[in-house]
Amino acid sequence: MESCVRLLLAVVVISLTWVTALVPVAAESPARPPDPSKSQAPTTEPLQVRLTRTEGTDLDNVIYFALLKLALEKSQRPFEIKITEVPTSTPAIRMITNPELINVVWMGTAQKFEEQLWPVRIPLLRGLVGYKVLLIRKDMQPQFDRIKTVQDLASLKALVGLSWVDTDIFTHHKLPYVTGEYSSLMPMLTSERGDYYPRSIFEFNQELDPEKYPAITLESSLLLHYPLAIYFFVAPGNQALHEALQEGLERALADSSYNQLLASHPVTRDVFQTLQLRNRRLLTLEHPFLTDETRAVLAKYGLNPQNISNINDLGTSHHAH
């Protein structure tokens, strides 16, 4: 009897060994890359959000930083933001060469950026960044009162940032300009290296500083316009961050928290009362370099500020041209 039991056990062990040999071991299966077309399982790992800033730039006073945080919060994913100070503002180049240092930036779009980086195609500030008021020296207002056409601007010199898409537009229209680091443009205006510094209607407040730049004021009669979208761009291949920002911005627009931020942020809340945009002389510059995709999203999301009397009128409607 005992010998029969031993024989039966031996047969079972041999059979199990043979079956195991027929079953492929999971660890030895070839790894397959994830299919980006299929939604990935949710992860509890925080999104790593990497930004750079130049010395003297207070991101807490920048509306785009506030919009970035809002989009991340609305994405309903955990995130961690790390900010590194750098000597010069060349974020597009750094994002390609060093995505560990910077993996998201906001900037005016251009075809080269849309090809090299990954745009989140929702124009920040509803395309209103294409409407510019001018920062000038106080003694220059009489000269700007005489500006009636785009051609009249050719007698004056603009100040624009390095790598800004504005340079292409000004070149196309044969308008003189001088470029400089973003942090140096206000000092350059003070030292008369240029005559005017165009800033969007949502940006001028973060530049004006009567104590630091007492000679600089807001020009009172003109509104310069060229179609322009500022996007969040993420480093190529960073699908998780791109999806989070896209979804977060869409949710913020849908639930009105986007417009509530604009209505409460110190940079944007008083814009329409302060600037009296309906009373300004509109000068429009063609922007021949916009991609078809950007023209489409500006048509969908863009607004005309001369049709708006109060920031609360933004609502969630589109096509308000």
C-alpha atoms as a PDB file:
ATOM      1  CA  MET A   1       0.000   0.000   0.000  1.00  0.00           C
ATOM      2  CA  GLU A   2       2.794   2.401   0.959  1.00  0.00           C
ATOM      3  CA  SER A   3       4.595   1.748  -2.317  1.00  0.00           C
ATOM      4  CA  CYS A   4       1.404   2.557  -4.272  1.00  0.00           C
ATOM      5  CA  VAL A   5       1.095   5.885  -2.518  1.00  0.00           C
ATOM      6  CA  ARG A   6       4.716   6.748  -3.331  1.00  0.00           C
ATOM      7  CA  LEU A   7       4.130   5.857  -6.981  1.00  0.00           C
ATOM      8  CA  LEU A   8       0.983   8.009  -7.144  1.00  0.00           C
ATOM      9  CA  LEU A   9       2.793  11.032  -5.627  1.00  0.00           C
ATOM     10  CA  ALA A  10       5.628  10.661  -8.090  1.00  0.00           C
ATOM     11  CA  VAL A  11       3.200  10.664 -11.000  1.00  0.00           C
ATOM     12  CA  VAL A  12       1.492  13.825  -9.668  1.00  0.00           C
ATOM     13  CA  VAL A  13       4.814  15.673  -9.233  1.00  0.00           C
ATOM     14  CA  ILE A  14       5.961  14.725 -12.748  1.00  0.00           C
ATOM     15  CA  SER A  15       2.599  15.797 -14.217  1.00  0.00           C
ATOM     16  CA  LEU A  16       2.696  19.182 -12.465  1.00  0.00           C
ATOM     17  CA  THR A  17       6.259  19.792 -13.655  1.00  0.00           C
ATOM     18  CA  TRP A  18       5.234  19.000 -17.235  1.00  0.00           C
ATOM     19  CA  VAL A  19       2.177  21.334 -17.058  1.00  0.00           C
ATOM     20  CA  THR A  20       4.272  24.137 -15.576  1.00  0.00           C
ATOM     21  CA  ALA A  21       6.746  23.840 -18.400  1.00  0.00           C
ATOM     22  CA  LEU A  22       3.913  24.413 -20.890  1.00  0.00           C
ATOM     23  CA  VAL A  23       2.732  27.643 -19.194  1.00  0.00           C
ATOM     24  CA  PRO A  24       4.836  30.709 -20.153  1.00  0.00           C
ATOM     25  CA  VAL A  25       6.234  32.587 -17.165  1.00  0.00           C
ATOM     26  CA  ALA A  26       4.804  36.146 -17.007  1.00  0.00           C
ATOM     27  CA  ALA A  27       8.130  37.722 -16.084  1.00  0.00           C
ATOM     28  CA  GLU A  28       9.725  36.350 -19.226  1.00  0.00           C
ATOM     29  CA  SER A  29       7.030  37.712 -21.603  1.00  0.00           C
ATOM     30  CA  PRO A  30       8.339  40.505 -23.839  1.00  0.00           C
ATOM     31  CA  ALA A  31       7.425  43.974 -22.512  1.00  0.00           C
ATOM     32  CA  ARG A  32       5.052  45.995 -24.654  1.00  0.00           C
ATOM     33  CA  PRO A  33       4.930  49.803 -24.640  1.00  0.00           C
ATOM     34  CA  PRO A  34       1.650  51.292 -23.397  1.00  0.00           C
ATOM     35  CA  ASP A  35      -0.888  52.154 -26.062  1.00  0.00           C
ATOM     36  CA  PRO A  36      -1.368  55.954 -25.777  1.00  0.00           C
ATOM     37  CA  SER A  37      -4.764  55.667 -27.459  1.00  0.00           C
ATOM     38  CA  LYS A  38      -6.086  53.722 -24.480  1.00  0.00           C
ATOM     39  CA  SER A  39      -6.688  55.385 -21.157  1.00  0.00           C
ATOM     40  CA  GLN A  40      -4.110  54.491 -18.558  1.00  0.00           C
ATOM     41  CA  ALA A  41      -4.991  53.218 -15.108  1.00  0.00           C
ATOM     42  CA  PRO A  42      -5.139  56.042 -12.586  1.00  0.00           C
ATOM     43  CA  THR A  43      -1.976  56.556 -10.617  1.00  0.00           C
ATOM     44  CA  THR A  44      -1.427  58.002  -7.197  1.00  0.00           C
ATOM     45  CA  GLU A  45       2.039  59.226  -8.148  1.00  0.00           C
ATOM     46  CA  PRO A  46       2.004  63.051  -8.157  1.00  0.00           C
ATOM     47  CA  LEU A  47       2.484  64.783 -11.488  1.00  0.00           C
ATOM     48  CA  GLN A  48       5.904  66.399 -11.543  1.00  0.00           C
ATOM     49  CA  VAL A  49       5.499  69.957 -12.782  1.00  0.00           C
ATOM     50  CA  ARG A  50       8.758  71.767 -13.532  1.00  0.00           C
ATOM     51  CA  LEU A  51       9.035  75.517 -14.155  1.00  0.00           C
ATOM     52  CA  THR A  52      11.839  78.040 -14.463  1.00  0.00           C
ATOM     53  CA  ARG A  53      11.856  81.723 -13.651  1.00  0.00           C
ATOM     54  CA  THR A  54      14.360  84.532 -14.010  1.00  0.00           C
ATOM     55  CA  GLU A  55      15.575  86.545 -11.051  1.00  0.00           C
ATOM     56  CA  GLY A  56      13.105  89.191  -9.957  1.00  0.00           C
ATOM     57  CA  THR A  57      10.058  87.460 -11.457  1.00  0.00           C
ATOM     58  CA  ASP A  58       7.317  86.978  -8.867  1.00  0.00           C
ATOM     59  CA  LEU A  59       5.259  84.082 -10.208  1.00  0.00           C
ATOM     60  CA  ASP A  60       2.578  84.622  -7.580  1.00  0.00           C
ATOM     61  CA  ASN A  61       1.725  87.884  -9.374  1.00  0.00           C
ATOM     62  CA  VAL A  62       1.560  86.213 -12.822  1.00  0.00           C
ATOM     63  CA  ILE A  63      -1.916  85.297 -14.025  1.00  0.00           C
ATOM     64  CA  TYR A  64      -0.609  82.371 -16.112  1.00  0.00           C
ATOM     65  CA  PHE A  65       0.870  80.736 -13.026  1.00  0.00           C
ATOM     66  CA  ALA A  66      -2.500  81.087 -11.302  1.00  0.00           C
ATOM     67  CA  LEU A  67      -4.189  79.492 -14.341  1.00  0.00           C
ATOM     68  CA  LEU A  68      -1.644  76.671 -14.303  1.00  0.00           C
ATOM     69  CA  LYS A  69      -2.422  75.881 -10.676  1.00  0.00           C
ATOM     70  CA  LEU A  70      -6.165  76.088 -11.340  1.00  0.00           C
ATOM     71  CA  ALA A  71      -5.891  73.654 -14.267  1.00  0.00           C
ATOM     72  CA  LEU A  72      -3.842  71.221 -12.185  1.00  0.00           C
ATOM     73  CA  GLU A  73      -6.317  71.397  -9.313  1.00  0.00           C
ATOM     74  CA  LYS A  74      -9.271  70.843 -11.663  1.00  0.00           C
ATOM     75  CA  SER A  75      -7.509  67.839 -13.219  1.00  0.00           C
ATOM     76  CA  GLN A  76      -8.178  66.062  -9.896  1.00  0.00           C
ATOM     77  CA  ARG A  77      -4.701  64.540  -9.924  1.00  0.00           C
ATOM     78  CA  PRO A  78      -2.015  65.005  -7.263  1.00  0.00           C
ATOM     79  CA  PHE A  79       0.849  67.231  -8.386  1.00  0.00           C
ATOM     80  CA  GLU A  80       4.097  68.756  -7.202  1.00  0.00           C
ATOM     81  CA  ILE A  81       5.488  72.018  -8.592  1.00  0.00           C
ATOM     82  CA  LYS A  82       9.214  72.723  -8.587  1.00  0.00           C
ATOM     83  CA  ILE A  83      10.539  76.124  -9.689  1.00  0.00           C
ATOM     84  CA  THR A  84      14.182  76.663 -10.634  1.00  0.00           C
ATOM     85  CA  GLU A  85      15.747  80.107 -11.024  1.00  0.00           C
ATOM     86  CA  VAL A  86      17.715  80.557 -14.260  1.00  0.00           C
ATOM     87  CA  PRO A  87      19.781  83.479 -15.578  1.00  0.00           C
ATOM     88  CA  THR A  88      17.995  83.827 -18.935  1.00  0.00           C
ATOM     89  CA  SER A  89      14.469  83.116 -20.128  1.00  0.00           C
ATOM     90  CA  THR A  90      14.805  80.583 -22.957  1.00  0.00           C
ATOM     91  CA  PRO A  91      12.225  78.028 -21.792  1.00  0.00           C
ATOM     92  CA  ALA A  92      11.473  76.476 -25.186  1.00  0.00           C
ATOM     93  CA  ILE A  93      15.101  75.507 -25.750  1.00  0.00           C
ATOM     94  CA  ARG A  94      15.513  74.247 -22.193  1.00  0.00           C
ATOM     95  CA  MET A  95      12.370  72.140 -22.411  1.00  0.00           C
ATOM     96  CA  ILE A  96      13.774  70.265 -25.413  1.00  0.00           C
ATOM     97  CA  THR A  97      17.267  69.818 -24.008  1.00  0.00           C
ATOM     98  CA  ASN A  98      16.493  69.417 -20.313  1.00  0.00           C
ATOM     99  CA  PRO A  99      12.897  68.310 -19.586  1.00  0.00           C
ATOM    100  CA  GLU A 100      13.926  67.357 -16.045  1.00  0.00           C
ATOM    101  CA  LEU A 101      14.494  71.068 -15.352  1.00  0.00           C
ATOM    102  CA  ILE A 102      11.388  72.392 -17.128  1.00  0.00           C
ATOM    103  CA  ASN A 103       8.436  70.505 -18.592  1.00  0.00           C
ATOM    104  CA  VAL A 104       5.777  73.217 -18.938  1.00  0.00           C
ATOM    105  CA  VAL A 105       5.781  76.850 -20.039  1.00  0.00           C
ATOM    106  CA  TRP A 106       3.258  79.453 -21.156  1.00  0.00           C
ATOM    107  CA  MET A 107       4.129  81.505 -24.231  1.00  0.00           C
ATOM    108  CA  GLY A 108       2.771  82.981 -27.413  1.00  0.00           C
ATOM    109  CA  THR A 109       2.420  80.262 -29.988  1.00  0.00           C
ATOM    110  CA  ALA A 110       4.247  79.946 -33.272  1.00  0.00           C
ATOM    111  CA  GLN A 111       4.441  77.133 -35.801  1.00  0.00           C
ATOM    112  CA  LYS A 112       7.936  76.130 -34.675  1.00  0.00           C
ATOM    113  CA  PHE A 113       6.794  75.794 -31.061  1.00  0.00           C
ATOM    114  CA  GLU A 114       3.748  73.752 -32.068  1.00  0.00           C
ATOM    115  CA  GLU A 115       6.035  71.402 -34.009  1.00  0.00           C
ATOM    116  CA  GLN A 116       8.787  71.058 -31.397  1.00  0.00           C
ATOM    117  CA  LEU A 117       6.696  71.077 -28.199  1.00  0.00           C
ATOM    118  CA  TRP A 118       3.224  69.845 -27.230  1.00  0.00           C
ATOM    119  CA  PRO A 119       0.605  72.636 -27.038  1.00  0.00           C
ATOM    120  CA  VAL A 120      -2.477  72.427 -24.857  1.00  0.00           C
ATOM    121  CA  ARG A 121      -4.842  73.947 -27.398  1.00  0.00           C
ATOM    122  CA  ILE A 122      -6.950  76.166 -25.200  1.00  0.00           C
ATOM    123  CA  PRO A 123      -5.858  79.810 -25.606  1.00  0.00           C
ATOM    124  CA  LEU A 124      -5.136  81.264 -22.189  1.00  0.00           C
ATOM    125  CA  LEU A 125      -7.151  84.359 -21.281  1.00  0.00           C
ATOM    126  CA  ARG A 126      -9.625  83.647 -24.110  1.00  0.00           C
ATOM    127  CA  GLY A 127      -7.338  85.076 -26.814  1.00  0.00           C
ATOM    128  CA  LEU A 128      -7.515  88.514 -25.212  1.00  0.00           C
ATOM    129  CA  VAL A 129      -3.723  88.593 -24.957  1.00  0.00           C
ATOM    130  CA  GLY A 130      -3.756  89.660 -28.606  1.00  0.00           C
ATOM    131  CA  TYR A 131      -5.149  93.031 -27.516  1.00  0.00           C
ATOM    132  CA  LYS A 132      -2.319  95.268 -26.356  1.00  0.00           C
ATOM    133  CA  VAL A 133      -2.053  98.542 -24.520  1.00  0.00           C
ATOM    134  CA  LEU A 134       1.226 100.410 -24.525  1.00  0.00           C
ATOM    135  CA  LEU A 135       3.531 101.322 -21.675  1.00  0.00           C
ATOM    136  CA  ILE A 136       5.335 104.574 -22.431  1.00  0.00           C
ATOM    137  CA  ARG A 137       7.322 107.321 -20.770  1.00  0.00           C
ATOM    138  CA  LYS A 138       5.013 110.006 -19.420  1.00  0.00           C
ATOM    139  CA  ASP A 139       6.425 112.723 -21.656  1.00  0.00           C
ATOM    140  CA  MET A 140       5.611 110.699 -24.814  1.00  0.00           C
ATOM    141  CA  GLN A 141       1.782 110.846 -24.678  1.00  0.00           C
ATOM    142  CA  PRO A 142       1.481 113.794 -27.129  1.00  0.00           C
ATOM    143  CA  GLN A 143       3.336 111.772 -29.773  1.00  0.00           C
ATOM    144  CA  PHE A 144       0.990 108.803 -29.321  1.00  0.00           C
ATOM    145  CA  ASP A 145      -2.048 111.072 -29.552  1.00  0.00           C
ATOM    146  CA  ARG A 146      -1.008 111.699 -33.153  1.00  0.00           C
ATOM    147  CA  ILE A 147      -0.928 107.985 -34.051  1.00  0.00           C
ATOM    148  CA  LYS A 148      -3.938 107.219 -36.255  1.00  0.00           C
ATOM    149  CA  THR A 149      -2.812 104.204 -38.321  1.00  0.00           C
ATOM    150  CA  VAL A 150      -0.469 101.234 -38.109  1.00  0.00           C
ATOM    151  CA  GLN A 151       1.850 103.022 -40.512  1.00  0.00           C
ATOM    152  CA  ASP A 152       2.152 105.906 -38.040  1.00  0.00           C
ATOM    153  CA  LEU A 153       3.678 103.491 -35.523  1.00  0.00           C
ATOM    154  CA  ALA A 154       6.668 103.057 -37.833  1.00  0.00           C
ATOM    155  CA  SER A 155       8.041 106.338 -36.508  1.00  0.00           C
ATOM    156  CA  LEU A 156       8.403 104.815 -33.036  1.00  0.00           C
ATOM    157  CA  LYS A 157      10.356 101.849 -31.675  1.00  0.00           C
ATOM    158  CA  ALA A 158       8.756  98.968 -29.757  1.00  0.00           C
ATOM    159  CA  LEU A 159      10.327  96.843 -27.030  1.00  0.00           C
ATOM    160  CA  VAL A 160       9.677  93.074 -27.190  1.00  0.00           C
ATOM    161  CA  GLY A 161      11.089  90.018 -25.474  1.00  0.00           C
ATOM    162  CA  LEU A 162      13.636  87.639 -26.923  1.00  0.00           C
ATOM    163  CA  SER A 163      12.005  84.788 -28.898  1.00  0.00           C
ATOM    164  CA  TRP A 164       8.538  86.329 -28.596  1.00  0.00           C
ATOM    165  CA  VAL A 165       6.311  85.748 -31.613  1.00  0.00           C
ATOM    166  CA  ASP A 166       5.692  89.515 -31.619  1.00  0.00           C
ATOM    167  CA  THR A 167       9.033  89.951 -33.359  1.00  0.00           C
ATOM    168  CA  ASP A 168       7.787  88.090 -36.450  1.00  0.00           C
ATOM    169  CA  ILE A 169       4.653  90.229 -36.584  1.00  0.00           C
ATOM    170  CA  PHE A 170       6.529  93.512 -36.195  1.00  0.00           C
ATOM    171  CA  THR A 171       9.036  92.442 -38.846  1.00  0.00           C
ATOM    172  CA  HIS A 172       6.215  91.543 -41.246  1.00  0.00           C
ATOM    173  CA  HIS A 173       4.660  94.994 -40.823  1.00  0.00           C
ATOM    174  CA  LYS A 174       8.035  96.794 -40.997  1.00  0.00           C
ATOM    175  CA  LEU A 175       7.632  98.235 -37.499  1.00  0.00           C
ATOM    176  CA  PRO A 176      10.933  98.940 -35.706  1.00  0.00           C
ATOM    177  CA  TYR A 177      11.625  97.120 -32.455  1.00  0.00           C
ATOM    178  CA  VAL A 178      14.378  96.274 -29.992  1.00  0.00           C
ATOM    179  CA  THR A 179      14.563  92.942 -28.183  1.00  0.00           C
ATOM    180  CA  GLY A 180      15.709  92.207 -24.658  1.00  0.00           C
ATOM    181  CA  GLU A 181      15.347  89.821 -21.757  1.00  0.00           C
ATOM    182  CA  TYR A 182      11.872  90.059 -20.257  1.00  0.00           C
ATOM    183  CA  SER A 183      13.226  91.363 -16.943  1.00  0.00           C
ATOM    184  CA  SER A 184      15.174  94.121 -18.727  1.00  0.00           C
ATOM    185  CA  LEU A 185      12.367  95.580 -20.866  1.00  0.00           C
ATOM    186  CA  MET A 186      11.028  98.051 -18.304  1.00  0.00           C
ATOM    187  CA  PRO A 187      14.531  99.397 -17.518  1.00  0.00           C
ATOM    188  CA  MET A 188      15.132  99.665 -21.281  1.00  0.00           C
ATOM    189  CA  LEU A 189      11.956 101.737 -21.644  1.00  0.00           C
ATOM    190  CA  THR A 190      13.034 103.999 -18.798  1.00  0.00           C
ATOM    191  CA  SER A 191      16.471 104.503 -20.382  1.00  0.00           C
ATOM    192  CA  GLU A 192      14.879 105.434 -23.742  1.00  0.00           C
ATOM    193  CA  ARG A 193      16.111 102.389 -25.671  1.00  0.00           C
ATOM    194  CA  GLY A 194      12.583 102.079 -27.023  1.00  0.00           C
ATOM    195  CA  ASP A 195       9.449 104.231 -27.188  1.00  0.00           C
ATOM    196  CA  TYR A 196       6.706 101.805 -26.181  1.00  0.00           C
ATOM    197  CA  TYR A 197       6.300  98.390 -24.624  1.00  0.00           C
ATOM    198  CA  PRO A 198       3.140  96.570 -25.831  1.00  0.00           C
ATOM    199  CA  ARG A 199       1.522  94.442 -23.127  1.00  0.00           C
ATOM    200  CA  SER A 200      -1.734  92.567 -23.221  1.00  0.00           C
ATOM    201  CA  ILE A 201      -4.702  94.073 -21.431  1.00  0.00           C
ATOM    202  CA  PHE A 202      -4.251  91.368 -18.783  1.00  0.00           C
ATOM    203  CA  GLU A 203      -0.503  91.855 -18.392  1.00  0.00           C
ATOM    204  CA  PHE A 204       0.205  95.569 -18.111  1.00  0.00           C
ATOM    205  CA  ASN A 205      -0.627  95.708 -14.390  1.00  0.00           C
ATOM    206  CA  GLN A 206       2.156  93.293 -13.522  1.00  0.00           C
ATOM    207  CA  GLU A 207       4.677  95.648 -15.166  1.00  0.00           C
ATOM    208  CA  LEU A 208       3.579  99.049 -13.872  1.00  0.00           C
ATOM    209  CA  ASP A 209       5.380  99.957 -10.657  1.00  0.00           C
ATOM    210  CA  PRO A 210       5.250 103.683  -9.816  1.00  0.00           C
ATOM    211  CA  GLU A 211       7.912 103.343  -7.148  1.00  0.00           C
ATOM    212  CA  LYS A 212      10.360 101.382  -9.270  1.00  0.00           C
ATOM    213  CA  TYR A 213       9.562 103.039 -12.610  1.00  0.00           C
ATOM    214  CA  PRO A 214       8.096 106.479 -11.804  1.00  0.00           C
ATOM    215  CA  ALA A 215       8.611 107.783 -15.360  1.00  0.00           C
ATOM    216  CA  ILE A 216       6.494 105.009 -16.960  1.00  0.00           C
ATOM    217  CA  THR A 217       2.747 105.216 -17.489  1.00  0.00           C
ATOM    218  CA  LEU A 218      -0.055 103.649 -19.471  1.00  0.00           C
ATOM    219  CA  GLU A 219      -0.695 105.195 -22.899  1.00  0.00           C
ATOM    220  CA  SER A 220      -4.268 106.490 -22.900  1.00  0.00           C
ATOM    221  CA  SER A 221      -5.664 106.384 -26.452  1.00  0.00           C
ATOM    222  CA  LEU A 222      -4.611 103.252 -28.398  1.00  0.00           C
ATOM    223  CA  LEU A 223      -5.459  99.541 -28.472  1.00  0.00           C
ATOM    224  CA  LEU A 224      -3.149  97.427 -30.607  1.00  0.00           C
ATOM    225  CA  HIS A 225      -4.428  94.067 -31.819  1.00  0.00           C
ATOM    226  CA  TYR A 226      -2.940  91.045 -33.543  1.00  0.00           C
ATOM    227  CA  PRO A 227      -4.508  87.568 -33.287  1.00  0.00           C
ATOM    228  CA  LEU A 228      -2.463  85.692 -30.737  1.00  0.00           C
ATOM    229  CA  ALA A 229      -2.814  82.620 -28.578  1.00  0.00           C
ATOM    230  CA  ILE A 230      -0.795  81.894 -25.489  1.00  0.00           C
ATOM    231  CA  TYR A 231      -0.764  78.186 -24.735  1.00  0.00           C
ATOM    232  CA  PHE A 232       0.617  75.962 -22.068  1.00  0.00           C
ATOM    233  CA  PHE A 233       3.284  73.906 -23.822  1.00  0.00           C
ATOM    234  CA  VAL A 234       4.543  70.680 -22.261  1.00  0.00           C
ATOM    235  CA  ALA A 235       7.660  68.683 -23.005  1.00  0.00           C
ATOM    236  CA  PRO A 236       7.234  66.198 -25.887  1.00  0.00           C
ATOM    237  CA  GLY A 237       6.042  62.813 -24.685  1.00  0.00           C
ATOM    238  CA  ASN A 238       4.708  64.003 -21.322  1.00  0.00           C
ATOM    239  CA  GLN A 239       1.216  62.640 -21.925  1.00  0.00           C
ATOM    240  CA  ALA A 240       0.130  62.674 -18.274  1.00  0.00           C
ATOM    241  CA  LEU A 241       0.848  66.385 -17.815  1.00  0.00           C
ATOM    242  CA  HIS A 242      -0.677  67.304 -21.184  1.00  0.00           C
ATOM    243  CA  GLU A 243      -3.904  65.423 -20.401  1.00  0.00           C
ATOM    244  CA  ALA A 244      -4.115  66.926 -16.914  1.00  0.00           C
ATOM    245  CA  LEU A 245      -3.835  70.493 -18.222  1.00  0.00           C
ATOM    246  CA  GLN A 246      -6.252  69.920 -21.109  1.00  0.00           C
ATOM    247  CA  GLU A 247      -8.880  68.339 -18.871  1.00  0.00           C
ATOM    248  CA  GLY A 248      -8.316  70.833 -16.068  1.00  0.00           C
ATOM    249  CA  LEU A 249      -8.759  73.881 -18.316  1.00  0.00           C
ATOM    250  CA  GLU A 250     -11.897  72.395 -19.895  1.00  0.00           C
ATOM    251  CA  ARG A 251     -13.425  71.782 -16.458  1.00  0.00           C
ATOM    252  CA  ALA A 252     -12.483  75.263 -15.244  1.00  0.00           C
ATOM    253  CA  LEU A 253     -14.157  76.837 -18.280  1.00  0.00           C
ATOM    254  CA  ALA A 254     -17.251  74.668 -17.876  1.00  0.00           C
ATOM    255  CA  ASP A 255     -17.801  75.357 -14.175  1.00  0.00           C
ATOM    256  CA  SER A 256     -16.922  79.095 -14.426  1.00  0.00           C
ATOM    257  CA  SER A 257     -13.981  78.839 -12.003  1.00  0.00           C
ATOM    258  CA  TYR A 258     -11.762  80.032 -14.878  1.00  0.00           C
ATOM    259  CA  ASN A 259     -13.688  83.299 -15.194  1.00  0.00           C
ATOM    260  CA  GLN A 260     -13.993  83.601 -11.411  1.00  0.00           C
ATOM    261  CA  LEU A 261     -10.204  83.545 -11.215  1.00  0.00           C
ATOM    262  CA  LEU A 262      -9.954  86.331 -13.796  1.00  0.00           C
ATOM    263  CA  ALA A 263     -12.559  88.332 -11.870  1.00  0.00           C
ATOM    264  CA  SER A 264     -10.628  88.035  -8.600  1.00  0.00           C
ATOM    265  CA  HIS A 265      -6.948  88.037  -9.587  1.00  0.00           C
ATOM    266  CA  PRO A 266      -5.300  91.440  -8.931  1.00  0.00           C
ATOM    267  CA  VAL A 267      -3.767  91.486 -12.422  1.00  0.00           C
ATOM    268  CA  THR A 268      -7.060  91.008 -14.265  1.00  0.00           C
ATOM    269  CA  ARG A 269     -10.010  91.975 -12.083  1.00  0.00           C
ATOM    270  CA  ASP A 270     -10.160  95.725 -12.844  1.00  0.00           C
ATOM    271  CA  VAL A 271      -9.045  95.638 -16.485  1.00  0.00           C
ATOM    272  CA  PHE A 272     -12.256  96.691 -18.203  1.00  0.00           C
ATOM    273  CA  GLN A 273     -13.001  99.516 -15.787  1.00  0.00           C
ATOM    274  CA  THR A 274      -9.417 100.804 -15.869  1.00  0.00           C
ATOM    275  CA  LEU A 275      -8.687 100.724 -19.582  1.00  0.00           C
ATOM    276  CA  GLN A 276     -11.948 102.059 -21.066  1.00  0.00           C
ATOM    277  CA  LEU A 277     -11.339  99.812 -24.065  1.00  0.00           C
ATOM    278  CA  ARG A 278     -14.413 100.884 -26.025  1.00  0.00           C
ATOM    279  CA  ASN A 279     -13.035 104.414 -26.198  1.00  0.00           C
ATOM    280  CA  ARG A 280      -9.608 103.442 -27.528  1.00  0.00           C
ATOM    281  CA  ARG A 281      -8.522 103.656 -31.153  1.00  0.00           C
ATOM    282  CA  LEU A 282      -8.068 100.109 -32.448  1.00  0.00           C
ATOM    283  CA  LEU A 283      -5.016  99.398 -34.630  1.00  0.00           C
ATOM    284  CA  THR A 284      -5.023  95.876 -36.076  1.00  0.00           C
ATOM    285  CA  LEU A 285      -1.974  94.013 -37.364  1.00  0.00           C
ATOM    286  CA  GLU A 286      -2.389  90.948 -39.548  1.00  0.00           C
ATOM    287  CA  HIS A 287      -0.768  87.792 -38.152  1.00  0.00           C
ATOM    288  CA  PRO A 288       0.122  85.696 -41.224  1.00  0.00           C
ATOM    289  CA  PHE A 289       2.037  83.057 -39.270  1.00  0.00           C
ATOM    290  CA  LEU A 290      -0.797  81.517 -37.239  1.00  0.00           C
ATOM    291  CA  THR A 291      -1.364  77.821 -37.853  1.00  0.00           C
ATOM    292  CA  ASP A 292      -4.793  76.637 -38.980  1.00  0.00           C
ATOM    293  CA  GLU A 293      -5.234  74.840 -35.640  1.00  0.00           C
ATOM    294  CA  THR A 294      -4.655  78.044 -33.691  1.00  0.00           C
ATOM    295  CA  ARG A 295      -6.987  80.057 -35.901  1.00  0.00           C
ATOM    296  CA  ALA A 296      -9.662  77.443 -35.175  1.00  0.00           C
ATOM    297  CA  VAL A 297      -9.304  77.578 -31.387  1.00  0.00           C
ATOM    298  CA  LEU A 298      -9.262  81.395 -31.414  1.00  0.00           C
ATOM    299  CA  ALA A 299     -12.517  81.285 -33.366  1.00  0.00           C
ATOM    300  CA  LYS A 300     -13.930  78.924 -30.742  1.00  0.00           C
ATOM    301  CA  TYR A 301     -12.714  80.533 -27.517  1.00  0.00           C
ATOM    302  CA  GLY A 302     -11.696  84.076 -28.470  1.00  0.00           C
ATOM    303  CA  LEU A 303     -13.416  87.284 -27.349  1.00  0.00           C
ATOM    304  CA  ASN A 304     -13.302  90.946 -28.394  1.00  0.00           C
ATOM    305  CA  PRO A 305     -12.672  93.100 -25.312  1.00  0.00           C
ATOM    306  CA  GLN A 306     -14.330  96.149 -26.875  1.00  0.00           C
ATOM    307  CA  ASN A 307     -17.605  94.235 -26.605  1.00  0.00           C
ATOM    308  CA  ILE A 308     -17.126  93.673 -22.867  1.00  0.00           C
ATOM    309  CA  SER A 309     -17.781  96.284 -20.203  1.00  0.00           C
ATOM    310  CA  ASN A 310     -17.155  94.129 -17.152  1.00  0.00           C
ATOM    311  CA  ILE A 311     -15.015  91.065 -16.581  1.00  0.00           C
ATOM    312  CA  ASN A 312     -18.043  89.229 -15.235  1.00  0.00           C
ATOM    313  CA  ASP A 313     -19.537  89.488 -18.726  1.00  0.00           C
ATOM    314  CA  LEU A 314     -17.024  86.918 -19.976  1.00  0.00           C
ATOM    315  CA  GLY A 315     -19.383  84.082 -19.046  1.00  0.00           C
ATOM    316  CA  THR A 316     -18.677  80.774 -20.746  1.00  0.00           C
ATOM    317  CA  SER A 317     -19.851  81.816 -24.210  1.00  0.00           C
ATOM    318  CA  HIS A 318     -17.667  81.653 -27.294  1.00  0.00           C
ATOM    319  CA  HIS A 319     -17.626  83.472 -30.630  1.00  0.00           C
ATOM    320  CA  ALA A 320     -18.054  86.891 -29.007  1.00  0.00           C
ATOM    321  CA  HIS A 321     -16.360  88.724 -31.864  1.00  0.00           C
END
